[in-house]
Amino acid sequence: MAQYWYNVETHEVEKDAQSGWKSLIGPYETHAEAEQALAKVRERNEAADALDAADDEDA
């Protein structure tokens, strides 16, 4: 089964890894999921930042 990767340099989805690993986010099962890679990263970063802020308030 093919895997899809988001290339952070070209901002394009690649079917199977075509570029170097430093440029790729993934793998994803579908092209559509890979297209949303940056949004998912943003969501996860915001959630982690919120946890860090909560930890700072408890200290």
N, C-alpha and C. Protein backbone atom coordinates (compact mmCIF):
# COMPACT_ATOMS: atom_id res chain seq x y z
N MET A 1 0.84 -1.19 0.00
CA MET A 1 0.00 0.00 0.00
C MET A 1 0.88 1.25 0.00
N ALA A 2 0.51 2.21 -0.78
CA ALA A 2 1.27 3.45 -0.89
C ALA A 2 1.16 4.27 0.38
N GLN A 3 2.20 5.03 0.65
CA GLN A 3 2.20 5.99 1.74
C GLN A 3 2.38 7.37 1.13
N TYR A 4 1.83 8.36 1.81
CA TYR A 4 1.90 9.73 1.32
C TYR A 4 2.65 10.58 2.34
N TRP A 5 3.42 11.50 1.82
CA TRP A 5 4.28 12.36 2.63
C TRP A 5 4.07 13.79 2.22
N TYR A 6 4.18 14.71 3.17
CA TYR A 6 4.11 16.14 2.87
C TYR A 6 5.53 16.68 2.86
N ASN A 7 5.90 17.33 1.77
CA ASN A 7 7.23 17.92 1.63
C ASN A 7 7.16 19.38 2.08
N VAL A 8 7.89 19.71 3.15
CA VAL A 8 7.84 21.05 3.72
C VAL A 8 8.61 22.08 2.90
N GLU A 9 9.42 21.63 1.97
CA GLU A 9 10.15 22.57 1.11
C GLU A 9 9.35 22.92 -0.14
N THR A 10 8.73 21.93 -0.76
CA THR A 10 7.97 22.18 -2.00
C THR A 10 6.50 22.43 -1.73
N HIS A 11 6.04 22.09 -0.51
CA HIS A 11 4.64 22.21 -0.11
C HIS A 11 3.74 21.35 -0.98
N GLU A 12 4.26 20.19 -1.36
CA GLU A 12 3.51 19.25 -2.17
C GLU A 12 3.49 17.89 -1.49
N VAL A 13 2.47 17.11 -1.83
CA VAL A 13 2.34 15.75 -1.32
C VAL A 13 3.09 14.82 -2.26
N GLU A 14 3.84 13.89 -1.68
CA GLU A 14 4.56 12.89 -2.46
C GLU A 14 3.97 11.51 -2.19
N LYS A 15 3.80 10.75 -3.24
CA LYS A 15 3.38 9.35 -3.08
C LYS A 15 4.65 8.54 -2.89
N ASP A 16 4.74 7.87 -1.77
CA ASP A 16 5.96 7.21 -1.33
C ASP A 16 7.03 8.29 -1.20
N ALA A 17 8.03 8.04 -0.43
CA ALA A 17 9.03 9.06 -0.13
C ALA A 17 9.92 9.28 -1.35
N GLN A 18 9.87 10.48 -1.90
CA GLN A 18 10.68 10.83 -3.06
C GLN A 18 11.84 11.74 -2.68
N SER A 19 11.73 12.43 -1.57
CA SER A 19 12.74 13.41 -1.15
C SER A 19 13.46 12.93 0.10
N GLY A 20 14.43 13.71 0.53
CA GLY A 20 15.16 13.39 1.74
C GLY A 20 14.28 13.50 2.97
N TRP A 21 14.59 12.74 3.98
CA TRP A 21 13.76 12.65 5.18
C TRP A 21 13.64 13.97 5.92
N LYS A 22 14.62 14.84 5.82
CA LYS A 22 14.56 16.12 6.51
C LYS A 22 13.48 17.03 5.95
N SER A 23 13.00 16.72 4.75
CA SER A 23 12.00 17.55 4.08
C SER A 23 10.58 17.01 4.22
N LEU A 24 10.43 15.84 4.83
CA LEU A 24 9.14 15.16 4.79
C LEU A 24 8.47 15.05 6.15
N ILE A 25 7.13 15.14 6.13
CA ILE A 25 6.29 14.85 7.29
C ILE A 25 5.41 13.68 6.88
N GLY A 26 5.34 12.69 7.73
CA GLY A 26 4.49 11.55 7.42
C GLY A 26 5.06 10.28 8.02
N PRO A 27 4.56 9.18 7.62
CA PRO A 27 3.67 8.93 6.47
C PRO A 27 2.20 9.06 6.83
N TYR A 28 1.41 9.25 5.81
CA TYR A 28 -0.04 9.29 5.91
C TYR A 28 -0.62 8.23 4.99
N GLU A 29 -1.81 7.76 5.33
CA GLU A 29 -2.45 6.71 4.53
C GLU A 29 -3.08 7.24 3.25
N THR A 30 -3.47 8.52 3.24
CA THR A 30 -4.13 9.07 2.07
C THR A 30 -3.49 10.39 1.66
N HIS A 31 -3.72 10.74 0.41
CA HIS A 31 -3.24 12.01 -0.12
C HIS A 31 -3.87 13.17 0.66
N ALA A 32 -5.17 13.05 0.95
CA ALA A 32 -5.89 14.11 1.66
C ALA A 32 -5.32 14.34 3.06
N GLU A 33 -4.97 13.27 3.76
CA GLU A 33 -4.37 13.41 5.08
C GLU A 33 -3.02 14.13 4.99
N ALA A 34 -2.24 13.77 4.01
CA ALA A 34 -0.93 14.40 3.83
C ALA A 34 -1.07 15.88 3.51
N GLU A 35 -2.10 16.25 2.76
CA GLU A 35 -2.33 17.66 2.45
C GLU A 35 -2.58 18.48 3.70
N GLN A 36 -3.09 17.86 4.75
CA GLN A 36 -3.40 18.55 6.00
C GLN A 36 -2.28 18.46 7.02
N ALA A 37 -1.10 18.03 6.60
CA ALA A 37 0.02 17.80 7.53
C ALA A 37 0.37 19.04 8.34
N LEU A 38 0.49 20.19 7.70
CA LEU A 38 0.88 21.40 8.43
C LEU A 38 -0.19 21.82 9.43
N ALA A 39 -1.45 21.65 9.06
CA ALA A 39 -2.53 21.97 10.01
C ALA A 39 -2.46 21.06 11.22
N LYS A 40 -2.17 19.78 11.01
CA LYS A 40 -2.05 18.83 12.12
C LYS A 40 -0.87 19.19 13.01
N VAL A 41 0.24 19.56 12.41
CA VAL A 41 1.41 19.98 13.19
C VAL A 41 1.08 21.21 14.02
N ARG A 42 0.39 22.16 13.41
CA ARG A 42 -0.01 23.39 14.11
C ARG A 42 -0.90 23.05 15.30
N GLU A 43 -1.87 22.17 15.11
CA GLU A 43 -2.78 21.77 16.20
C GLU A 43 -2.00 21.13 17.34
N ARG A 44 -1.08 20.24 16.99
CA ARG A 44 -0.30 19.55 18.03
C ARG A 44 0.60 20.52 18.77
N ASN A 45 1.20 21.47 18.05
CA ASN A 45 2.04 22.47 18.71
C ASN A 45 1.24 23.34 19.66
N GLU A 46 0.04 23.75 19.24
CA GLU A 46 -0.81 24.56 20.11
C GLU A 46 -1.22 23.78 21.36
N ALA A 47 -1.53 22.50 21.20
CA ALA A 47 -1.89 21.67 22.36
C ALA A 47 -0.70 21.53 23.31
N ALA A 48 0.48 21.32 22.76
CA ALA A 48 1.68 21.20 23.60
C ALA A 48 1.98 22.52 24.31
N ASP A 49 1.81 23.63 23.60
CA ASP A 49 2.03 24.94 24.22
C ASP A 49 1.04 25.18 25.36
N ALA A 50 -0.20 24.76 25.18
CA ALA A 50 -1.21 24.92 26.23
C ALA A 50 -0.83 24.09 27.46
N LEU A 51 -0.33 22.87 27.24
CA LEU A 51 0.11 22.05 28.37
C LEU A 51 1.30 22.68 29.08
N ASP A 52 2.23 23.22 28.30
CA ASP A 52 3.38 23.90 28.91
C ASP A 52 2.94 25.10 29.75
N ALA A 53 2.00 25.85 29.24
CA ALA A 53 1.50 27.02 29.97
C ALA A 53 0.82 26.59 31.25
N ALA A 54 0.06 25.51 31.20
CA ALA A 54 -0.62 25.00 32.39
C ALA A 54 0.40 24.53 33.42
N ASP A 55 1.46 23.87 32.96
CA ASP A 55 2.53 23.42 33.86
C ASP A 55 3.22 24.61 34.52
N ASP A 56 3.44 25.66 33.74
CA ASP A 56 4.08 26.86 34.29
C ASP A 56 3.23 27.52 35.36
N GLU A 57 1.92 27.50 35.18
CA GLU A 57 1.02 28.08 36.17
C GLU A 57 0.99 27.28 37.45
N ASP A 58 1.19 25.96 37.34
CA ASP A 58 1.19 25.10 38.53
C ASP A 58 2.49 25.19 39.31
N ALA A 59 3.54 25.68 38.70
CA ALA A 59 4.86 25.71 39.36
C ALA A 59 4.96 26.84 40.35
